[in-house]
Amino acid sequence: MGVRFLLVTSFVVLSFCTSTAGEPTRAVRVGYCASLAEIDAVKSAGFDYIELRTSEIAALSDADYEKLADKLEQIKLPVPVTYLFIPADIKLTGPQVNQDQQMDYVRKALDRVFKLGTSTVVFGSGSARRYPDGFSKEEALRQLVDFCKRLGPEARKRGITIAIEPLRKEESNIINSLAEGLQLVKAVHDSNIQLNVDYYHLAMEKEDPAVILEAKKYVRHVHTANPQGRVFPLKWEEYNYGPFYESLRKIRYDKEISIEAQTKDFQHEAPQAIAFVRRALGAP
């Protein structure tokens, strides 16, 4: 197909910024977490890339998947990252775990996103990893570690890194903080299993952004939003953004950062949000 080569090589280094340590670091690429229906809007708004839903891609028929790949190649919109990895009907914890079902899905999903040029898959999947009432949390954690240990080699075969995403308690009852995500990653001990930092979840759990410094060598990807309403971040004074972005600058974060947020005026606010994130990270 040639899609992966064309998309990966279409990336350009946008600019260089200066870190808080005074050393030059590459400016991050700013993308948007979106459904397949939003591809054209993301392209026209000026995002550097689109972060598509892994499970939505995996659910496509072969014919529709080929149409998607052709469209992305035609409009030159990269997909370096995908999210919403495991669908709710594939259980990762609890008594209904089926390892064959898990791995059949994982292989299909990773094969498909790999061919689109994806190198990072965000692993939130709160419903899939939620353990049922009455089930042991310790056993659920063991199941997650086991799944990730099986997941790592499959990701490595395809040059993909899995980024564990801590989720607020309303969305999952396990791995709710970056500190807990870091413990999971260390327990798995696989270089292809790392971390996604989602500012919304971090803020909702009232976790100190300084934890990013502790997790710095494992931070593979970042999601951001205005935590008040999970809307587009637009102005510095609308929220106390400082500690979060300062922590990212301190670890010299220079990979992708995706806006995962809602808006009532996408075409107007998207360019503002892109500019805001770049300024927040110190880019020109």
C-alpha atoms as a PDB file:
ATOM      1  CA  MET A   1       0.000   0.000   0.000  1.00  0.00           C
ATOM      2  CA  GLY A   2       2.850   2.365   0.793  1.00  0.00           C
ATOM      3  CA  VAL A   3       0.638   4.353   3.159  1.00  0.00           C
ATOM      4  CA  ARG A   4       2.892   4.036   6.204  1.00  0.00           C
ATOM      5  CA  PHE A   5       5.953   5.311   4.348  1.00  0.00           C
ATOM      6  CA  LEU A   6       4.147   8.236   2.777  1.00  0.00           C
ATOM      7  CA  LEU A   7       2.519   9.354   6.015  1.00  0.00           C
ATOM      8  CA  VAL A   8       5.569   8.974   8.210  1.00  0.00           C
ATOM      9  CA  THR A   9       7.828  10.826   5.804  1.00  0.00           C
ATOM     10  CA  SER A  10       5.285  13.623   5.440  1.00  0.00           C
ATOM     11  CA  PHE A  11       6.094  14.880   8.937  1.00  0.00           C
ATOM     12  CA  VAL A  12       8.181  18.033   9.105  1.00  0.00           C
ATOM     13  CA  VAL A  13       9.897  19.642  12.016  1.00  0.00           C
ATOM     14  CA  LEU A  14       7.823  22.720  12.664  1.00  0.00           C
ATOM     15  CA  SER A  15      10.153  24.794  14.775  1.00  0.00           C
ATOM     16  CA  PHE A  16      12.537  24.742  17.680  1.00  0.00           C
ATOM     17  CA  CYS A  17      11.959  26.181  21.131  1.00  0.00           C
ATOM     18  CA  THR A  18      14.051  26.708  24.218  1.00  0.00           C
ATOM     19  CA  SER A  19      13.479  24.570  27.291  1.00  0.00           C
ATOM     20  CA  THR A  20      13.564  25.868  30.846  1.00  0.00           C
ATOM     21  CA  ALA A  21      17.096  24.489  31.043  1.00  0.00           C
ATOM     22  CA  GLY A  22      18.094  26.748  28.162  1.00  0.00           C
ATOM     23  CA  GLU A  23      18.713  23.920  25.694  1.00  0.00           C
ATOM     24  CA  PRO A  24      16.965  23.738  22.320  1.00  0.00           C
ATOM     25  CA  THR A  25      14.153  21.187  21.994  1.00  0.00           C
ATOM     26  CA  ARG A  26      11.960  20.371  19.033  1.00  0.00           C
ATOM     27  CA  ALA A  27       8.474  21.862  19.184  1.00  0.00           C
ATOM     28  CA  VAL A  28       5.729  19.312  19.562  1.00  0.00           C
ATOM     29  CA  ARG A  29       3.175  18.512  16.883  1.00  0.00           C
ATOM     30  CA  VAL A  30      -0.375  19.406  17.876  1.00  0.00           C
ATOM     31  CA  GLY A  31      -3.191  17.048  16.894  1.00  0.00           C
ATOM     32  CA  TYR A  32      -6.816  16.354  17.673  1.00  0.00           C
ATOM     33  CA  CYS A  33      -8.575  13.250  19.025  1.00  0.00           C
ATOM     34  CA  ALA A  34     -11.338  12.596  16.521  1.00  0.00           C
ATOM     35  CA  SER A  35     -13.779  10.170  14.987  1.00  0.00           C
ATOM     36  CA  LEU A  36     -13.562   9.096  11.369  1.00  0.00           C
ATOM     37  CA  ALA A  37     -16.408  11.506  10.561  1.00  0.00           C
ATOM     38  CA  GLU A  38     -14.236  14.453  11.607  1.00  0.00           C
ATOM     39  CA  ILE A  39     -11.247  13.852   9.319  1.00  0.00           C
ATOM     40  CA  ASP A  40     -11.995  16.681   6.884  1.00  0.00           C
ATOM     41  CA  ALA A  41     -12.670  19.172   9.688  1.00  0.00           C
ATOM     42  CA  VAL A  42      -9.370  18.303  11.411  1.00  0.00           C
ATOM     43  CA  LYS A  43      -7.460  18.743   8.170  1.00  0.00           C
ATOM     44  CA  SER A  44      -9.040  22.097   7.336  1.00  0.00           C
ATOM     45  CA  ALA A  45      -8.531  23.439  10.873  1.00  0.00           C
ATOM     46  CA  GLY A  46      -4.766  23.165  10.532  1.00  0.00           C
ATOM     47  CA  PHE A  47      -3.877  20.415  12.993  1.00  0.00           C
ATOM     48  CA  ASP A  48      -0.528  18.727  12.362  1.00  0.00           C
ATOM     49  CA  TYR A  49      -2.111  15.275  12.602  1.00  0.00           C
ATOM     50  CA  ILE A  50      -5.255  13.411  13.628  1.00  0.00           C
ATOM     51  CA  GLU A  51      -5.521  10.951  16.526  1.00  0.00           C
ATOM     52  CA  LEU A  52      -8.130   8.419  15.428  1.00  0.00           C
ATOM     53  CA  ARG A  53     -10.026   5.835  17.466  1.00  0.00           C
ATOM     54  CA  THR A  54      -8.317   2.443  17.314  1.00  0.00           C
ATOM     55  CA  SER A  55     -11.508   0.497  17.984  1.00  0.00           C
ATOM     56  CA  GLU A  56     -13.364   2.391  15.239  1.00  0.00           C
ATOM     57  CA  ILE A  57     -10.629   1.539  12.748  1.00  0.00           C
ATOM     58  CA  ALA A  58     -10.609  -2.118  13.825  1.00  0.00           C
ATOM     59  CA  ALA A  59     -14.385  -2.385  13.364  1.00  0.00           C
ATOM     60  CA  LEU A  60     -14.307  -1.298   9.701  1.00  0.00           C
ATOM     61  CA  SER A  61     -14.892  -3.767   6.919  1.00  0.00           C
ATOM     62  CA  ASP A  62     -11.833  -4.482   4.776  1.00  0.00           C
ATOM     63  CA  ALA A  63     -13.270  -2.348   1.969  1.00  0.00           C
ATOM     64  CA  ASP A  64     -13.990   0.612   4.251  1.00  0.00           C
ATOM     65  CA  TYR A  65     -10.557   0.335   5.833  1.00  0.00           C
ATOM     66  CA  GLU A  66      -8.926   0.574   2.397  1.00  0.00           C
ATOM     67  CA  LYS A  67     -11.036   3.642   1.636  1.00  0.00           C
ATOM     68  CA  LEU A  68      -9.885   5.231   4.888  1.00  0.00           C
ATOM     69  CA  ALA A  69      -6.221   4.517   4.132  1.00  0.00           C
ATOM     70  CA  ASP A  70      -6.587   5.941   0.628  1.00  0.00           C
ATOM     71  CA  LYS A  71      -8.293   9.099   1.918  1.00  0.00           C
ATOM     72  CA  LEU A  72      -5.636   9.784   4.553  1.00  0.00           C
ATOM     73  CA  GLU A  73      -2.910   9.314   1.963  1.00  0.00           C
ATOM     74  CA  GLN A  74      -4.689  11.559  -0.523  1.00  0.00           C
ATOM     75  CA  ILE A  75      -5.184  14.486   1.867  1.00  0.00           C
ATOM     76  CA  LYS A  76      -1.769  13.978   3.533  1.00  0.00           C
ATOM     77  CA  LEU A  77      -3.117  13.833   7.096  1.00  0.00           C
ATOM     78  CA  PRO A  78      -0.819  11.761   9.349  1.00  0.00           C
ATOM     79  CA  VAL A  79      -2.055   9.413  12.066  1.00  0.00           C
ATOM     80  CA  PRO A  80       0.979   8.996  14.357  1.00  0.00           C
ATOM     81  CA  VAL A  81      -1.250   8.211  17.353  1.00  0.00           C
ATOM     82  CA  THR A  82      -4.550   6.434  17.943  1.00  0.00           C
ATOM     83  CA  TYR A  83      -6.686   6.177  21.090  1.00  0.00           C
ATOM     84  CA  LEU A  84      -9.760   4.299  22.426  1.00  0.00           C
ATOM     85  CA  PHE A  85      -7.841   1.050  22.062  1.00  0.00           C
ATOM     86  CA  ILE A  86      -9.891  -1.837  23.508  1.00  0.00           C
ATOM     87  CA  PRO A  87     -13.696  -1.910  23.064  1.00  0.00           C
ATOM     88  CA  ALA A  88     -15.935  -2.425  26.094  1.00  0.00           C
ATOM     89  CA  ASP A  89     -16.984  -5.957  25.103  1.00  0.00           C
ATOM     90  CA  ILE A  90     -13.415  -7.281  25.374  1.00  0.00           C
ATOM     91  CA  LYS A  91     -12.826  -7.624  29.105  1.00  0.00           C
ATOM     92  CA  LEU A  92      -9.327  -7.168  30.489  1.00  0.00           C
ATOM     93  CA  THR A  93     -10.203  -7.816  34.126  1.00  0.00           C
ATOM     94  CA  GLY A  94     -12.733  -9.920  35.994  1.00  0.00           C
ATOM     95  CA  PRO A  95     -14.011 -13.487  35.575  1.00  0.00           C
ATOM     96  CA  GLN A  96     -14.912 -13.130  31.874  1.00  0.00           C
ATOM     97  CA  VAL A  97     -11.364 -12.575  30.589  1.00  0.00           C
ATOM     98  CA  ASN A  98     -10.707 -14.437  27.341  1.00  0.00           C
ATOM     99  CA  GLN A  99      -7.058 -14.229  26.334  1.00  0.00           C
ATOM    100  CA  ASP A 100      -7.618 -15.581  22.814  1.00  0.00           C
ATOM    101  CA  GLN A 101     -10.298 -12.960  22.167  1.00  0.00           C
ATOM    102  CA  GLN A 102      -8.015 -10.251  23.540  1.00  0.00           C
ATOM    103  CA  MET A 103      -5.058 -11.158  21.366  1.00  0.00           C
ATOM    104  CA  ASP A 104      -7.076 -11.746  18.182  1.00  0.00           C
ATOM    105  CA  TYR A 105      -8.405  -8.207  18.532  1.00  0.00           C
ATOM    106  CA  VAL A 106      -4.998  -6.749  19.457  1.00  0.00           C
ATOM    107  CA  ARG A 107      -3.309  -8.223  16.393  1.00  0.00           C
ATOM    108  CA  LYS A 108      -6.010  -6.999  14.008  1.00  0.00           C
ATOM    109  CA  ALA A 109      -6.122  -3.518  15.545  1.00  0.00           C
ATOM    110  CA  LEU A 110      -2.342  -3.071  15.652  1.00  0.00           C
ATOM    111  CA  ASP A 111      -1.949  -4.368  12.092  1.00  0.00           C
ATOM    112  CA  ARG A 112      -4.441  -1.812  10.835  1.00  0.00           C
ATOM    113  CA  VAL A 113      -3.090   1.239  12.638  1.00  0.00           C
ATOM    114  CA  PHE A 114       0.492   0.244  11.771  1.00  0.00           C
ATOM    115  CA  LYS A 115      -0.399   0.402   8.078  1.00  0.00           C
ATOM    116  CA  LEU A 116      -1.714   3.940   8.627  1.00  0.00           C
ATOM    117  CA  GLY A 117       1.651   5.038  10.014  1.00  0.00           C
ATOM    118  CA  THR A 118       0.766   4.919  13.711  1.00  0.00           C
ATOM    119  CA  SER A 119       3.632   4.541  16.192  1.00  0.00           C
ATOM    120  CA  THR A 120       1.760   5.209  19.473  1.00  0.00           C
ATOM    121  CA  VAL A 121      -1.513   3.676  20.669  1.00  0.00           C
ATOM    122  CA  VAL A 122      -3.095   5.222  23.758  1.00  0.00           C
ATOM    123  CA  PHE A 123      -4.529   2.613  26.130  1.00  0.00           C
ATOM    124  CA  GLY A 124      -7.317   4.122  28.207  1.00  0.00           C
ATOM    125  CA  SER A 125     -10.260   1.781  27.578  1.00  0.00           C
ATOM    126  CA  GLY A 126     -11.945   2.385  30.927  1.00  0.00           C
ATOM    127  CA  SER A 127     -14.891   0.043  30.346  1.00  0.00           C
ATOM    128  CA  ALA A 128     -12.689  -2.810  29.156  1.00  0.00           C
ATOM    129  CA  ARG A 129     -10.354  -2.605  32.130  1.00  0.00           C
ATOM    130  CA  ARG A 130     -13.012  -1.894  34.808  1.00  0.00           C
ATOM    131  CA  TYR A 131     -13.303  -4.844  37.192  1.00  0.00           C
ATOM    132  CA  PRO A 132     -16.777  -5.884  38.464  1.00  0.00           C
ATOM    133  CA  ASP A 133     -18.087  -5.376  41.995  1.00  0.00           C
ATOM    134  CA  GLY A 134     -16.933  -8.110  44.327  1.00  0.00           C
ATOM    135  CA  PHE A 135     -13.857  -8.906  42.258  1.00  0.00           C
ATOM    136  CA  SER A 136     -10.416  -8.499  43.814  1.00  0.00           C
ATOM    137  CA  LYS A 137      -8.623  -5.298  42.804  1.00  0.00           C
ATOM    138  CA  GLU A 138      -5.291  -7.044  43.356  1.00  0.00           C
ATOM    139  CA  GLU A 139      -6.329  -9.787  40.933  1.00  0.00           C
ATOM    140  CA  ALA A 140      -7.526  -7.163  38.430  1.00  0.00           C
ATOM    141  CA  LEU A 141      -4.139  -5.463  38.599  1.00  0.00           C
ATOM    142  CA  ARG A 142      -2.437  -8.809  38.046  1.00  0.00           C
ATOM    143  CA  GLN A 143      -4.647  -9.367  34.988  1.00  0.00           C
ATOM    144  CA  LEU A 144      -3.734  -5.951  33.602  1.00  0.00           C
ATOM    145  CA  VAL A 145      -0.020  -6.624  34.090  1.00  0.00           C
ATOM    146  CA  ASP A 146      -0.422  -9.981  32.354  1.00  0.00           C
ATOM    147  CA  PHE A 147      -2.309  -8.415  29.442  1.00  0.00           C
ATOM    148  CA  CYS A 148       0.315  -5.712  29.022  1.00  0.00           C
ATOM    149  CA  LYS A 149       3.109  -8.290  29.079  1.00  0.00           C
ATOM    150  CA  ARG A 150       1.394 -10.091  26.202  1.00  0.00           C
ATOM    151  CA  LEU A 151       0.637  -6.794  24.477  1.00  0.00           C
ATOM    152  CA  GLY A 152       4.211  -5.467  24.529  1.00  0.00           C
ATOM    153  CA  PRO A 153       5.750  -8.012  22.115  1.00  0.00           C
ATOM    154  CA  GLU A 154       2.862  -7.586  19.654  1.00  0.00           C
ATOM    155  CA  ALA A 155       3.377  -3.819  19.682  1.00  0.00           C
ATOM    156  CA  ARG A 156       7.143  -4.197  19.311  1.00  0.00           C
ATOM    157  CA  LYS A 157       6.750  -6.369  16.185  1.00  0.00           C
ATOM    158  CA  ARG A 158       5.015  -3.415  14.536  1.00  0.00           C
ATOM    159  CA  GLY A 159       7.198  -0.609  15.888  1.00  0.00           C
ATOM    160  CA  ILE A 160       4.356   0.648  18.077  1.00  0.00           C
ATOM    161  CA  THR A 161       4.479   1.886  21.672  1.00  0.00           C
ATOM    162  CA  ILE A 162       1.441   1.452  23.908  1.00  0.00           C
ATOM    163  CA  ALA A 163       0.803   4.467  26.175  1.00  0.00           C
ATOM    164  CA  ILE A 164      -1.151   3.607  29.332  1.00  0.00           C
ATOM    165  CA  GLU A 165      -3.682   6.335  30.126  1.00  0.00           C
ATOM    166  CA  PRO A 166      -4.789   6.865  33.741  1.00  0.00           C
ATOM    167  CA  LEU A 167      -8.499   7.735  33.862  1.00  0.00           C
ATOM    168  CA  ARG A 168     -10.601   9.574  36.434  1.00  0.00           C
ATOM    169  CA  LYS A 169     -12.659   7.384  38.778  1.00  0.00           C
ATOM    170  CA  GLU A 170     -15.892   8.148  36.906  1.00  0.00           C
ATOM    171  CA  GLU A 171     -14.475   6.344  33.856  1.00  0.00           C
ATOM    172  CA  SER A 172     -12.628   3.429  35.449  1.00  0.00           C
ATOM    173  CA  ASN A 173     -12.091   1.905  38.880  1.00  0.00           C
ATOM    174  CA  ILE A 174      -8.473   0.998  38.229  1.00  0.00           C
ATOM    175  CA  ILE A 175      -5.358   3.055  37.295  1.00  0.00           C
ATOM    176  CA  ASN A 176      -6.787   6.488  38.109  1.00  0.00           C
ATOM    177  CA  SER A 177      -3.600   8.503  38.648  1.00  0.00           C
ATOM    178  CA  LEU A 178      -0.348   8.979  36.803  1.00  0.00           C
ATOM    179  CA  ALA A 179       1.424   7.585  39.873  1.00  0.00           C
ATOM    180  CA  GLU A 180      -0.618   4.366  39.550  1.00  0.00           C
ATOM    181  CA  GLY A 181       0.037   4.268  35.823  1.00  0.00           C
ATOM    182  CA  LEU A 182       3.750   4.555  36.530  1.00  0.00           C
ATOM    183  CA  GLN A 183       3.541   1.611  38.940  1.00  0.00           C
ATOM    184  CA  LEU A 184       1.800  -0.468  36.271  1.00  0.00           C
ATOM    185  CA  VAL A 185       4.392   0.385  33.630  1.00  0.00           C
ATOM    186  CA  LYS A 186       7.213  -0.517  36.002  1.00  0.00           C
ATOM    187  CA  ALA A 187       5.512  -3.818  36.885  1.00  0.00           C
ATOM    188  CA  VAL A 188       5.165  -4.720  33.191  1.00  0.00           C
ATOM    189  CA  HIS A 189       8.786  -3.730  32.544  1.00  0.00           C
ATOM    190  CA  ASP A 190       8.536  -3.587  28.756  1.00  0.00           C
ATOM    191  CA  SER A 191      10.006  -0.699  26.755  1.00  0.00           C
ATOM    192  CA  ASN A 192       6.959  -0.719  24.449  1.00  0.00           C
ATOM    193  CA  ILE A 193       4.578  -0.091  27.354  1.00  0.00           C
ATOM    194  CA  GLN A 194       4.813   3.527  28.472  1.00  0.00           C
ATOM    195  CA  LEU A 195       2.527   6.373  29.628  1.00  0.00           C
ATOM    196  CA  ASN A 196       0.005   8.846  28.277  1.00  0.00           C
ATOM    197  CA  VAL A 197      -0.489  11.973  30.392  1.00  0.00           C
ATOM    198  CA  ASP A 198      -4.037  13.306  30.081  1.00  0.00           C
ATOM    199  CA  TYR A 199      -4.349  16.745  31.668  1.00  0.00           C
ATOM    200  CA  TYR A 200      -8.117  16.461  32.121  1.00  0.00           C
ATOM    201  CA  HIS A 201      -7.887  13.243  34.141  1.00  0.00           C
ATOM    202  CA  LEU A 202      -4.889  14.506  36.088  1.00  0.00           C
ATOM    203  CA  ALA A 203      -6.807  17.655  37.043  1.00  0.00           C
ATOM    204  CA  MET A 204     -10.031  15.811  37.882  1.00  0.00           C
ATOM    205  CA  GLU A 205      -8.099  13.512  40.235  1.00  0.00           C
ATOM    206  CA  LYS A 206      -6.383  16.582  41.719  1.00  0.00           C
ATOM    207  CA  GLU A 207      -2.976  15.065  41.087  1.00  0.00           C
ATOM    208  CA  ASP A 208       0.043  17.359  41.342  1.00  0.00           C
ATOM    209  CA  PRO A 209       1.450  17.908  37.813  1.00  0.00           C
ATOM    210  CA  ALA A 210       4.925  17.555  39.350  1.00  0.00           C
ATOM    211  CA  VAL A 211       4.362  13.784  39.141  1.00  0.00           C
ATOM    212  CA  ILE A 212       5.239  14.213  35.454  1.00  0.00           C
ATOM    213  CA  LEU A 213       8.835  14.850  36.527  1.00  0.00           C
ATOM    214  CA  GLU A 214       8.940  11.503  38.308  1.00  0.00           C
ATOM    215  CA  ALA A 215       7.462   9.736  35.284  1.00  0.00           C
ATOM    216  CA  LYS A 216       9.462  11.657  32.688  1.00  0.00           C
ATOM    217  CA  LYS A 217      11.342   8.788  31.041  1.00  0.00           C
ATOM    218  CA  TYR A 218       8.071   6.914  30.503  1.00  0.00           C
ATOM    219  CA  VAL A 219       5.969   9.786  29.089  1.00  0.00           C
ATOM    220  CA  ARG A 220       5.261   8.857  25.488  1.00  0.00           C
ATOM    221  CA  HIS A 221       2.205  10.976  24.688  1.00  0.00           C
ATOM    222  CA  VAL A 222       0.043  13.791  26.073  1.00  0.00           C
ATOM    223  CA  HIS A 223      -3.642  14.739  25.885  1.00  0.00           C
ATOM    224  CA  THR A 224      -4.759  18.224  26.857  1.00  0.00           C
ATOM    225  CA  ALA A 225      -7.908  20.310  27.311  1.00  0.00           C
ATOM    226  CA  ASN A 226      -9.351  23.012  29.510  1.00  0.00           C
ATOM    227  CA  PRO A 227     -10.341  20.823  32.495  1.00  0.00           C
ATOM    228  CA  GLN A 228     -13.334  23.079  33.202  1.00  0.00           C
ATOM    229  CA  GLY A 229     -15.862  21.361  30.959  1.00  0.00           C
ATOM    230  CA  ARG A 230     -13.204  19.497  28.946  1.00  0.00           C
ATOM    231  CA  VAL A 231     -13.397  22.183  26.272  1.00  0.00           C
ATOM    232  CA  PHE A 232     -10.761  23.663  23.970  1.00  0.00           C
ATOM    233  CA  PRO A 233      -7.956  25.485  25.811  1.00  0.00           C
ATOM    234  CA  LEU A 234      -7.945  29.040  24.491  1.00  0.00           C
ATOM    235  CA  LYS A 235      -6.589  31.571  27.003  1.00  0.00           C
ATOM    236  CA  TRP A 236      -3.915  31.374  29.682  1.00  0.00           C
ATOM    237  CA  GLU A 237      -6.074  33.150  32.253  1.00  0.00           C
ATOM    238  CA  GLU A 238      -9.060  30.762  31.932  1.00  0.00           C
ATOM    239  CA  TYR A 239      -7.438  28.068  34.104  1.00  0.00           C
ATOM    240  CA  ASN A 240      -4.318  27.462  36.175  1.00  0.00           C
ATOM    241  CA  TYR A 241      -2.383  25.857  33.323  1.00  0.00           C
ATOM    242  CA  GLY A 242       1.057  26.888  34.573  1.00  0.00           C
ATOM    243  CA  PRO A 243       2.136  23.873  36.682  1.00  0.00           C
ATOM    244  CA  PHE A 244       1.141  21.375  33.963  1.00  0.00           C
ATOM    245  CA  TYR A 245       2.929  23.021  31.053  1.00  0.00           C
ATOM    246  CA  GLU A 246       5.898  23.922  33.235  1.00  0.00           C
ATOM    247  CA  SER A 247       6.309  20.242  34.081  1.00  0.00           C
ATOM    248  CA  LEU A 248       6.201  19.321  30.383  1.00  0.00           C
ATOM    249  CA  ARG A 249       8.826  21.957  29.628  1.00  0.00           C
ATOM    250  CA  LYS A 250      11.020  20.702  32.463  1.00  0.00           C
ATOM    251  CA  ILE A 251      11.108  17.180  31.016  1.00  0.00           C
ATOM    252  CA  ARG A 252      11.711  18.752  27.579  1.00  0.00           C
ATOM    253  CA  TYR A 253       8.676  17.027  26.125  1.00  0.00           C
ATOM    254  CA  ASP A 254       8.945  17.156  22.328  1.00  0.00           C
ATOM    255  CA  LYS A 255       6.578  14.510  21.007  1.00  0.00           C
ATOM    256  CA  GLU A 256       2.940  14.808  19.927  1.00  0.00           C
ATOM    257  CA  ILE A 257       0.268  16.461  22.063  1.00  0.00           C
ATOM    258  CA  SER A 258      -3.396  15.952  21.209  1.00  0.00           C
ATOM    259  CA  ILE A 259      -6.306  18.145  22.161  1.00  0.00           C
ATOM    260  CA  GLU A 260      -9.066  15.888  23.463  1.00  0.00           C
ATOM    261  CA  ALA A 261     -11.904  18.305  24.056  1.00  0.00           C
ATOM    262  CA  GLN A 262     -15.258  19.543  22.843  1.00  0.00           C
ATOM    263  CA  THR A 263     -16.291  22.836  21.281  1.00  0.00           C
ATOM    264  CA  LYS A 264     -19.386  24.392  19.772  1.00  0.00           C
ATOM    265  CA  ASP A 265     -17.330  26.252  17.166  1.00  0.00           C
ATOM    266  CA  PHE A 266     -14.670  23.864  15.904  1.00  0.00           C
ATOM    267  CA  GLN A 267     -13.382  25.817  12.892  1.00  0.00           C
ATOM    268  CA  HIS A 268     -13.064  29.060  14.867  1.00  0.00           C
ATOM    269  CA  GLU A 269     -11.645  27.672  18.114  1.00  0.00           C
ATOM    270  CA  ALA A 270      -9.368  24.937  16.741  1.00  0.00           C
ATOM    271  CA  PRO A 271      -6.715  27.364  15.370  1.00  0.00           C
ATOM    272  CA  GLN A 272      -6.842  29.301  18.660  1.00  0.00           C
ATOM    273  CA  ALA A 273      -6.324  26.114  20.652  1.00  0.00           C
ATOM    274  CA  ILE A 274      -3.407  25.012  18.450  1.00  0.00           C
ATOM    275  CA  ALA A 275      -1.728  28.393  18.949  1.00  0.00           C
ATOM    276  CA  PHE A 276      -2.400  28.278  22.694  1.00  0.00           C
ATOM    277  CA  VAL A 277      -0.770  24.866  23.136  1.00  0.00           C
ATOM    278  CA  ARG A 278       2.280  25.895  21.137  1.00  0.00           C
ATOM    279  CA  ARG A 279       2.694  29.064  23.200  1.00  0.00           C
ATOM    280  CA  ALA A 280       2.176  27.153  26.452  1.00  0.00           C
ATOM    281  CA  LEU A 281       5.041  24.848  25.554  1.00  0.00           C
ATOM    282  CA  GLY A 282       7.275  27.722  24.559  1.00  0.00           C
ATOM    283  CA  ALA A 283       7.091  27.401  20.779  1.00  0.00           C
ATOM    284  CA  PRO A 284       7.263  30.533  18.611  1.00  0.00           C
END
